[in-house]
Amino acid sequence: MADERLNKLAKLLVEYSVEVKEGDIVYVCADEVATPWVIEVVKEATKKGAHIEYTLESDEIKEIQLKYGSEKQLKSGNMIYESILSEADVWLTAWGNRNTRMLSRINSDKLKMYQQGSSTWRKIYSDRTGDGSLRWCGTQYPTYADAQEASMSMKILFTELDY
């Protein structure tokens, strides 16, 4: 059974924050740890009549790409983001991961190259949100890693404070 708070959050995001309408192309993106959030958002956007595209990302896979990727590969960008953000009406994303220090051992030059590769999709995002053709909203998904970073228990951080 889904967490009622996640469903309330999904409804708030879909109905109020980005105002999903029938026929909208909605892109939902999050780390795999946020799958319960993605499920609720997809459910609510689908009920509104939207066309849904989604990706579940993985820090473990990103770490492999960064560790073994060449400069050319790291700077090549993200074709999925570039394509979908050029077409989507709405982008909903949740931040959260299992390990906030997952990429701490990756060479900083490689991280810089990866960021340079992100410049194309970031420009698309910036231009489209700026002109109003892409409605975007992001939120934090509660994870144990984030609670640990805040030196708090999961219960206090995301039950008593956030929700």
N, C-alpha and C. Protein backbone atom coordinates (compact mmCIF):
# COMPACT_ATOMS: atom_id res chain seq x y z
N MET A 1 0.83 -1.18 0.00
CA MET A 1 0.00 0.00 0.00
C MET A 1 0.89 1.25 0.00
N ALA A 2 0.52 2.21 -0.82
CA ALA A 2 1.30 3.43 -0.96
C ALA A 2 1.18 4.31 0.28
N ASP A 3 2.23 5.05 0.54
CA ASP A 3 2.24 6.01 1.64
C ASP A 3 1.29 7.16 1.26
N GLU A 4 0.31 7.40 2.09
CA GLU A 4 -0.69 8.43 1.82
C GLU A 4 -0.05 9.80 1.63
N ARG A 5 1.05 10.06 2.34
CA ARG A 5 1.74 11.34 2.21
C ARG A 5 2.34 11.51 0.81
N LEU A 6 2.85 10.41 0.24
CA LEU A 6 3.40 10.49 -1.12
C LEU A 6 2.29 10.77 -2.13
N ASN A 7 1.14 10.18 -1.92
CA ASN A 7 0.02 10.44 -2.82
C ASN A 7 -0.42 11.90 -2.72
N LYS A 8 -0.49 12.44 -1.51
CA LYS A 8 -0.85 13.85 -1.34
C LYS A 8 0.18 14.75 -2.01
N LEU A 9 1.45 14.42 -1.86
CA LEU A 9 2.50 15.20 -2.50
C LEU A 9 2.38 15.12 -4.02
N ALA A 10 2.14 13.92 -4.55
CA ALA A 10 1.99 13.75 -5.99
C ALA A 10 0.81 14.58 -6.52
N LYS A 11 -0.30 14.55 -5.82
CA LYS A 11 -1.46 15.35 -6.24
C LYS A 11 -1.14 16.83 -6.22
N LEU A 12 -0.44 17.28 -5.19
CA LEU A 12 -0.05 18.69 -5.09
C LEU A 12 0.82 19.09 -6.27
N LEU A 13 1.81 18.26 -6.58
CA LEU A 13 2.71 18.57 -7.69
C LEU A 13 1.98 18.57 -9.03
N VAL A 14 1.18 17.54 -9.27
CA VAL A 14 0.51 17.37 -10.56
C VAL A 14 -0.61 18.39 -10.76
N GLU A 15 -1.42 18.58 -9.73
CA GLU A 15 -2.60 19.43 -9.88
C GLU A 15 -2.30 20.92 -9.66
N TYR A 16 -1.36 21.24 -8.80
CA TYR A 16 -1.11 22.63 -8.46
C TYR A 16 0.22 23.16 -9.01
N SER A 17 1.31 22.49 -8.68
CA SER A 17 2.63 23.03 -9.01
C SER A 17 2.88 23.15 -10.51
N VAL A 18 2.49 22.14 -11.27
CA VAL A 18 2.72 22.19 -12.72
C VAL A 18 1.43 22.11 -13.53
N GLU A 19 0.31 21.94 -12.84
CA GLU A 19 -1.01 21.94 -13.48
C GLU A 19 -1.07 21.05 -14.73
N VAL A 20 -0.86 19.78 -14.52
CA VAL A 20 -0.90 18.82 -15.64
C VAL A 20 -2.30 18.81 -16.25
N LYS A 21 -2.33 18.83 -17.58
CA LYS A 21 -3.59 18.82 -18.32
C LYS A 21 -3.63 17.62 -19.27
N GLU A 22 -4.81 17.28 -19.68
CA GLU A 22 -4.97 16.20 -20.64
C GLU A 22 -4.14 16.49 -21.89
N GLY A 23 -3.40 15.49 -22.34
CA GLY A 23 -2.58 15.63 -23.54
C GLY A 23 -1.17 16.12 -23.28
N ASP A 24 -0.89 16.60 -22.08
CA ASP A 24 0.47 17.03 -21.75
C ASP A 24 1.45 15.86 -21.85
N ILE A 25 2.64 16.15 -22.32
CA ILE A 25 3.74 15.18 -22.25
C ILE A 25 4.47 15.47 -20.95
N VAL A 26 4.45 14.50 -20.04
CA VAL A 26 5.02 14.67 -18.71
C VAL A 26 6.23 13.75 -18.56
N TYR A 27 7.35 14.33 -18.22
CA TYR A 27 8.57 13.57 -17.97
C TYR A 27 8.81 13.54 -16.46
N VAL A 28 8.92 12.33 -15.92
CA VAL A 28 9.15 12.12 -14.49
C VAL A 28 10.51 11.47 -14.34
N CYS A 29 11.35 12.04 -13.48
CA CYS A 29 12.72 11.58 -13.35
C CYS A 29 13.13 11.57 -11.89
N ALA A 30 13.77 10.48 -11.46
CA ALA A 30 14.27 10.39 -10.09
C ALA A 30 15.26 9.24 -10.01
N ASP A 31 16.01 9.23 -8.93
CA ASP A 31 16.86 8.09 -8.62
C ASP A 31 15.97 6.91 -8.27
N GLU A 32 16.47 5.73 -8.50
CA GLU A 32 15.68 4.52 -8.25
C GLU A 32 15.19 4.42 -6.80
N VAL A 33 15.86 5.06 -5.87
CA VAL A 33 15.43 5.02 -4.47
C VAL A 33 14.07 5.70 -4.30
N ALA A 34 13.73 6.58 -5.23
CA ALA A 34 12.47 7.32 -5.16
C ALA A 34 11.35 6.67 -5.98
N THR A 35 11.47 5.40 -6.30
CA THR A 35 10.45 4.70 -7.08
C THR A 35 9.04 4.86 -6.51
N PRO A 36 8.84 4.78 -5.20
CA PRO A 36 7.47 4.98 -4.68
C PRO A 36 6.90 6.36 -5.04
N TRP A 37 7.73 7.39 -5.04
CA TRP A 37 7.29 8.72 -5.45
C TRP A 37 6.94 8.74 -6.94
N VAL A 38 7.79 8.13 -7.76
CA VAL A 38 7.54 8.09 -9.20
C VAL A 38 6.20 7.41 -9.48
N ILE A 39 5.94 6.30 -8.80
CA ILE A 39 4.68 5.58 -9.00
C ILE A 39 3.48 6.49 -8.73
N GLU A 40 3.52 7.22 -7.63
CA GLU A 40 2.39 8.10 -7.29
C GLU A 40 2.24 9.25 -8.27
N VAL A 41 3.35 9.83 -8.70
CA VAL A 41 3.28 10.94 -9.66
C VAL A 41 2.75 10.43 -11.01
N VAL A 42 3.25 9.30 -11.45
CA VAL A 42 2.78 8.73 -12.72
C VAL A 42 1.29 8.43 -12.64
N LYS A 43 0.86 7.88 -11.52
CA LYS A 43 -0.57 7.56 -11.35
C LYS A 43 -1.42 8.83 -11.46
N GLU A 44 -1.03 9.88 -10.74
CA GLU A 44 -1.84 11.10 -10.75
C GLU A 44 -1.81 11.80 -12.11
N ALA A 45 -0.66 11.84 -12.76
CA ALA A 45 -0.57 12.48 -14.08
C ALA A 45 -1.34 11.68 -15.13
N THR A 46 -1.30 10.36 -15.01
CA THR A 46 -2.05 9.51 -15.94
C THR A 46 -3.54 9.75 -15.78
N LYS A 47 -4.00 9.89 -14.55
CA LYS A 47 -5.42 10.15 -14.29
C LYS A 47 -5.86 11.48 -14.89
N LYS A 48 -4.91 12.40 -15.08
CA LYS A 48 -5.22 13.69 -15.71
C LYS A 48 -5.24 13.60 -17.24
N GLY A 49 -4.85 12.44 -17.78
CA GLY A 49 -4.85 12.28 -19.23
C GLY A 49 -3.54 12.61 -19.91
N ALA A 50 -2.46 12.67 -19.14
CA ALA A 50 -1.15 13.02 -19.70
C ALA A 50 -0.47 11.80 -20.32
N HIS A 51 0.43 12.08 -21.23
CA HIS A 51 1.32 11.05 -21.79
C HIS A 51 2.57 11.08 -20.91
N ILE A 52 2.95 9.93 -20.36
CA ILE A 52 4.04 9.86 -19.40
C ILE A 52 5.29 9.23 -20.00
N GLU A 53 6.42 9.85 -19.73
CA GLU A 53 7.74 9.27 -19.97
C GLU A 53 8.47 9.37 -18.64
N TYR A 54 9.30 8.37 -18.31
CA TYR A 54 10.00 8.43 -17.04
C TYR A 54 11.36 7.75 -17.14
N THR A 55 12.25 8.15 -16.24
CA THR A 55 13.51 7.45 -16.08
C THR A 55 13.79 7.30 -14.59
N LEU A 56 14.34 6.17 -14.26
CA LEU A 56 14.84 5.90 -12.91
C LEU A 56 16.35 5.82 -13.04
N GLU A 57 17.03 6.71 -12.37
CA GLU A 57 18.47 6.79 -12.49
C GLU A 57 19.15 6.01 -11.38
N SER A 58 20.44 5.76 -11.55
CA SER A 58 21.20 4.97 -10.59
C SER A 58 22.56 5.61 -10.37
N ASP A 59 22.85 5.91 -9.10
CA ASP A 59 24.17 6.45 -8.78
C ASP A 59 25.27 5.44 -9.06
N GLU A 60 24.98 4.16 -8.90
CA GLU A 60 25.98 3.13 -9.16
C GLU A 60 26.38 3.12 -10.63
N ILE A 61 25.39 3.27 -11.50
CA ILE A 61 25.69 3.29 -12.94
C ILE A 61 26.41 4.58 -13.30
N LYS A 62 25.98 5.70 -12.73
CA LYS A 62 26.66 6.97 -12.99
C LYS A 62 28.13 6.88 -12.56
N GLU A 63 28.38 6.24 -11.42
CA GLU A 63 29.75 6.08 -10.93
C GLU A 63 30.60 5.30 -11.94
N ILE A 64 30.04 4.25 -12.52
CA ILE A 64 30.76 3.45 -13.53
C ILE A 64 31.05 4.31 -14.76
N GLN A 65 30.05 5.07 -15.21
CA GLN A 65 30.27 5.93 -16.37
C GLN A 65 31.39 6.94 -16.11
N LEU A 66 31.36 7.53 -14.94
CA LEU A 66 32.38 8.53 -14.61
C LEU A 66 33.76 7.90 -14.43
N LYS A 67 33.81 6.75 -13.83
CA LYS A 67 35.08 6.09 -13.56
C LYS A 67 35.77 5.62 -14.84
N TYR A 68 34.99 5.04 -15.76
CA TYR A 68 35.58 4.44 -16.95
C TYR A 68 35.39 5.26 -18.23
N GLY A 69 34.59 6.32 -18.18
CA GLY A 69 34.29 7.09 -19.38
C GLY A 69 35.47 7.93 -19.85
N SER A 70 35.60 8.03 -21.17
CA SER A 70 36.63 8.90 -21.75
C SER A 70 36.14 10.34 -21.75
N GLU A 71 37.03 11.25 -22.03
CA GLU A 71 36.65 12.67 -22.10
C GLU A 71 35.53 12.86 -23.12
N LYS A 72 35.66 12.24 -24.27
CA LYS A 72 34.65 12.36 -25.33
C LYS A 72 33.29 11.84 -24.83
N GLN A 73 33.30 10.70 -24.15
CA GLN A 73 32.05 10.13 -23.65
C GLN A 73 31.42 11.04 -22.59
N LEU A 74 32.23 11.53 -21.69
CA LEU A 74 31.70 12.35 -20.59
C LEU A 74 31.16 13.69 -21.08
N LYS A 75 31.76 14.22 -22.13
CA LYS A 75 31.32 15.51 -22.66
C LYS A 75 30.20 15.38 -23.69
N SER A 76 29.82 14.15 -24.03
CA SER A 76 28.84 13.96 -25.10
C SER A 76 27.42 14.33 -24.71
N GLY A 77 27.14 14.51 -23.44
CA GLY A 77 25.81 14.93 -23.03
C GLY A 77 24.87 13.77 -22.75
N ASN A 78 23.63 14.11 -22.57
CA ASN A 78 22.60 13.12 -22.25
C ASN A 78 21.51 13.21 -23.30
N MET A 79 21.54 12.28 -24.24
CA MET A 79 20.60 12.31 -25.36
C MET A 79 19.14 12.19 -24.90
N ILE A 80 18.91 11.41 -23.85
CA ILE A 80 17.54 11.26 -23.36
C ILE A 80 17.02 12.60 -22.85
N TYR A 81 17.78 13.26 -21.99
CA TYR A 81 17.36 14.56 -21.47
C TYR A 81 17.17 15.56 -22.61
N GLU A 82 18.12 15.62 -23.52
CA GLU A 82 18.04 16.58 -24.61
C GLU A 82 16.78 16.37 -25.44
N SER A 83 16.49 15.11 -25.74
CA SER A 83 15.32 14.79 -26.56
C SER A 83 14.02 15.07 -25.83
N ILE A 84 13.89 14.52 -24.63
CA ILE A 84 12.61 14.65 -23.93
C ILE A 84 12.35 16.08 -23.48
N LEU A 85 13.39 16.79 -23.03
CA LEU A 85 13.17 18.17 -22.58
C LEU A 85 12.87 19.12 -23.74
N SER A 86 13.19 18.71 -24.95
CA SER A 86 12.82 19.51 -26.13
C SER A 86 11.34 19.37 -26.45
N GLU A 87 10.72 18.27 -26.01
CA GLU A 87 9.34 17.98 -26.37
C GLU A 87 8.34 18.04 -25.22
N ALA A 88 8.79 17.78 -24.01
CA ALA A 88 7.87 17.67 -22.87
C ALA A 88 7.20 19.01 -22.55
N ASP A 89 5.99 18.90 -22.00
CA ASP A 89 5.29 20.07 -21.49
C ASP A 89 5.59 20.27 -20.00
N VAL A 90 5.88 19.14 -19.33
CA VAL A 90 6.08 19.15 -17.88
C VAL A 90 7.26 18.26 -17.53
N TRP A 91 8.07 18.71 -16.57
CA TRP A 91 9.15 17.88 -16.03
C TRP A 91 9.02 17.89 -14.51
N LEU A 92 8.83 16.72 -13.93
CA LEU A 92 8.80 16.55 -12.48
C LEU A 92 9.97 15.69 -12.06
N THR A 93 10.69 16.14 -11.05
CA THR A 93 11.85 15.39 -10.61
C THR A 93 11.92 15.37 -9.09
N ALA A 94 12.51 14.31 -8.57
CA ALA A 94 12.73 14.20 -7.12
C ALA A 94 14.21 13.93 -6.89
N TRP A 95 14.77 14.63 -5.91
CA TRP A 95 16.15 14.40 -5.52
C TRP A 95 16.19 13.46 -4.34
N GLY A 96 17.17 12.64 -4.31
CA GLY A 96 17.36 11.71 -3.21
C GLY A 96 18.23 10.56 -3.70
N ASN A 97 19.05 10.04 -2.81
CA ASN A 97 19.86 8.89 -3.20
C ASN A 97 20.20 8.07 -1.97
N ARG A 98 20.77 6.92 -2.22
CA ARG A 98 21.11 6.01 -1.13
C ARG A 98 22.39 6.41 -0.41
N ASN A 99 23.27 7.11 -1.11
CA ASN A 99 24.58 7.44 -0.55
C ASN A 99 24.98 8.82 -1.05
N THR A 100 24.98 9.80 -0.18
CA THR A 100 25.29 11.18 -0.59
C THR A 100 26.75 11.37 -0.97
N ARG A 101 27.58 10.40 -0.66
CA ARG A 101 29.01 10.52 -0.97
C ARG A 101 29.46 9.53 -2.06
N MET A 102 28.50 9.02 -2.79
CA MET A 102 28.78 8.00 -3.80
C MET A 102 29.87 8.41 -4.80
N LEU A 103 29.89 9.66 -5.18
CA LEU A 103 30.83 10.10 -6.22
C LEU A 103 32.06 10.79 -5.65
N SER A 104 32.28 10.70 -4.36
CA SER A 104 33.37 11.44 -3.72
C SER A 104 34.76 10.96 -4.14
N ARG A 105 34.86 9.77 -4.66
CA ARG A 105 36.18 9.27 -5.07
C ARG A 105 36.42 9.40 -6.57
N ILE A 106 35.50 10.05 -7.25
CA ILE A 106 35.65 10.28 -8.69
C ILE A 106 36.53 11.51 -8.89
N ASN A 107 37.46 11.39 -9.82
CA ASN A 107 38.37 12.48 -10.16
C ASN A 107 37.57 13.73 -10.51
N SER A 108 37.96 14.86 -9.94
CA SER A 108 37.22 16.11 -10.15
C SER A 108 37.22 16.55 -11.61
N ASP A 109 38.28 16.21 -12.36
CA ASP A 109 38.31 16.55 -13.79
C ASP A 109 37.21 15.81 -14.55
N LYS A 110 36.98 14.56 -14.16
CA LYS A 110 35.93 13.79 -14.81
C LYS A 110 34.55 14.36 -14.46
N LEU A 111 34.36 14.78 -13.24
CA LEU A 111 33.09 15.40 -12.85
C LEU A 111 32.86 16.69 -13.63
N LYS A 112 33.93 17.45 -13.84
CA LYS A 112 33.83 18.69 -14.61
C LYS A 112 33.44 18.39 -16.06
N MET A 113 34.06 17.37 -16.65
CA MET A 113 33.72 16.99 -18.03
C MET A 113 32.25 16.57 -18.13
N TYR A 114 31.79 15.82 -17.14
CA TYR A 114 30.40 15.37 -17.11
C TYR A 114 29.46 16.58 -17.04
N GLN A 115 29.81 17.56 -16.22
CA GLN A 115 29.00 18.77 -16.12
C GLN A 115 29.01 19.54 -17.44
N GLN A 116 30.15 19.58 -18.12
CA GLN A 116 30.22 20.24 -19.42
C GLN A 116 29.30 19.54 -20.41
N GLY A 117 29.25 18.21 -20.33
CA GLY A 117 28.35 17.45 -21.20
C GLY A 117 26.89 17.73 -20.93
N SER A 118 26.58 18.18 -19.73
CA SER A 118 25.19 18.49 -19.36
C SER A 118 24.74 19.86 -19.86
N SER A 119 25.65 20.64 -20.41
CA SER A 119 25.31 22.02 -20.77
C SER A 119 24.21 22.10 -21.83
N THR A 120 24.15 21.16 -22.76
CA THR A 120 23.14 21.23 -23.82
C THR A 120 21.75 21.05 -23.25
N TRP A 121 21.54 19.99 -22.46
CA TRP A 121 20.19 19.80 -21.92
C TRP A 121 19.85 20.88 -20.90
N ARG A 122 20.83 21.37 -20.18
CA ARG A 122 20.55 22.45 -19.21
C ARG A 122 20.11 23.73 -19.92
N LYS A 123 20.69 24.00 -21.08
CA LYS A 123 20.27 25.18 -21.86
C LYS A 123 18.84 25.01 -22.37
N ILE A 124 18.52 23.81 -22.85
CA ILE A 124 17.14 23.53 -23.30
C ILE A 124 16.18 23.76 -22.14
N TYR A 125 16.51 23.19 -20.98
CA TYR A 125 15.68 23.35 -19.79
C TYR A 125 15.52 24.82 -19.43
N SER A 126 16.63 25.54 -19.39
CA SER A 126 16.61 26.95 -19.00
C SER A 126 15.79 27.79 -19.99
N ASP A 127 16.01 27.58 -21.27
CA ASP A 127 15.28 28.34 -22.29
C ASP A 127 13.78 28.05 -22.22
N ARG A 128 13.44 26.78 -22.10
CA ARG A 128 12.02 26.40 -22.13
C ARG A 128 11.28 26.77 -20.84
N THR A 129 11.93 26.67 -19.70
CA THR A 129 11.26 27.12 -18.48
C THR A 129 11.16 28.65 -18.49
N GLY A 130 12.17 29.30 -19.05
CA GLY A 130 12.17 30.75 -19.14
C GLY A 130 11.04 31.30 -20.01
N ASP A 131 10.76 30.62 -21.13
CA ASP A 131 9.69 31.12 -22.01
C ASP A 131 8.32 30.51 -21.68
N GLY A 132 8.29 29.65 -20.65
CA GLY A 132 7.01 29.09 -20.20
C GLY A 132 6.54 27.86 -20.94
N SER A 133 7.34 27.36 -21.88
CA SER A 133 6.89 26.19 -22.65
C SER A 133 7.17 24.87 -21.93
N LEU A 134 7.94 24.91 -20.85
CA LEU A 134 8.19 23.73 -20.01
C LEU A 134 7.88 24.10 -18.57
N ARG A 135 6.91 23.39 -18.01
CA ARG A 135 6.57 23.60 -16.60
C ARG A 135 7.37 22.58 -15.79
N TRP A 136 8.11 23.06 -14.79
CA TRP A 136 9.01 22.20 -14.03
C TRP A 136 8.77 22.35 -12.53
N CYS A 137 8.93 21.25 -11.82
CA CYS A 137 8.95 21.30 -10.36
C CYS A 137 9.80 20.14 -9.86
N GLY A 138 10.61 20.42 -8.86
CA GLY A 138 11.42 19.39 -8.23
C GLY A 138 11.13 19.35 -6.74
N THR A 139 11.35 18.19 -6.16
CA THR A 139 11.12 18.02 -4.73
C THR A 139 12.15 17.07 -4.16
N GLN A 140 12.31 17.10 -2.87
CA GLN A 140 13.22 16.19 -2.18
C GLN A 140 12.45 14.93 -1.79
N TYR A 141 13.00 13.78 -2.10
CA TYR A 141 12.42 12.51 -1.66
C TYR A 141 13.17 12.08 -0.40
N PRO A 142 12.46 11.70 0.65
CA PRO A 142 13.12 11.33 1.90
C PRO A 142 13.91 10.02 1.80
N THR A 143 15.18 10.09 2.16
CA THR A 143 16.02 8.89 2.18
C THR A 143 16.81 8.84 3.48
N TYR A 144 17.26 7.66 3.82
CA TYR A 144 18.09 7.50 5.01
C TYR A 144 19.40 8.28 4.86
N ALA A 145 19.92 8.33 3.65
CA ALA A 145 21.18 9.06 3.43
C ALA A 145 21.02 10.54 3.76
N ASP A 146 19.89 11.12 3.36
CA ASP A 146 19.65 12.53 3.66
C ASP A 146 19.45 12.76 5.15
N ALA A 147 18.75 11.85 5.79
CA ALA A 147 18.57 11.96 7.24
C ALA A 147 19.93 11.89 7.95
N GLN A 148 20.77 10.99 7.49
CA GLN A 148 22.10 10.85 8.08
C GLN A 148 22.91 12.13 7.88
N GLU A 149 22.84 12.73 6.70
CA GLU A 149 23.55 13.98 6.42
C GLU A 149 23.10 15.09 7.38
N ALA A 150 21.84 15.07 7.75
CA ALA A 150 21.29 16.09 8.64
C ALA A 150 21.48 15.74 10.12
N SER A 151 22.13 14.62 10.38
CA SER A 151 22.33 14.13 11.74
C SER A 151 21.01 13.97 12.49
N MET A 152 20.04 13.45 11.77
CA MET A 152 18.71 13.23 12.34
C MET A 152 18.22 11.84 11.98
N SER A 153 17.22 11.40 12.70
CA SER A 153 16.60 10.14 12.32
C SER A 153 15.67 10.40 11.15
N MET A 154 15.37 9.35 10.40
CA MET A 154 14.45 9.46 9.28
C MET A 154 13.08 9.94 9.78
N LYS A 155 12.67 9.45 10.91
CA LYS A 155 11.36 9.82 11.46
C LYS A 155 11.28 11.32 11.72
N ILE A 156 12.27 11.86 12.36
CA ILE A 156 12.23 13.29 12.68
C ILE A 156 12.36 14.13 11.41
N LEU A 157 13.30 13.79 10.58
CA LEU A 157 13.57 14.61 9.41
C LEU A 157 12.40 14.64 8.44
N PHE A 158 11.81 13.50 8.15
CA PHE A 158 10.81 13.47 7.09
C PHE A 158 9.39 13.16 7.53
N THR A 159 9.18 12.93 8.78
CA THR A 159 7.82 12.74 9.26
C THR A 159 7.38 13.94 10.06
N GLU A 160 8.17 14.33 11.01
CA GLU A 160 7.78 15.43 11.87
C GLU A 160 8.07 16.80 11.25
N LEU A 161 9.10 16.92 10.41
CA LEU A 161 9.46 18.21 9.86
C LEU A 161 8.89 18.46 8.46
N ASP A 162 9.13 17.56 7.52
CA ASP A 162 8.75 17.79 6.13
C ASP A 162 7.27 17.61 5.85
N TYR A 163 6.74 16.47 6.23
CA TYR A 163 5.35 16.20 5.89
C TYR A 163 4.46 16.90 6.87
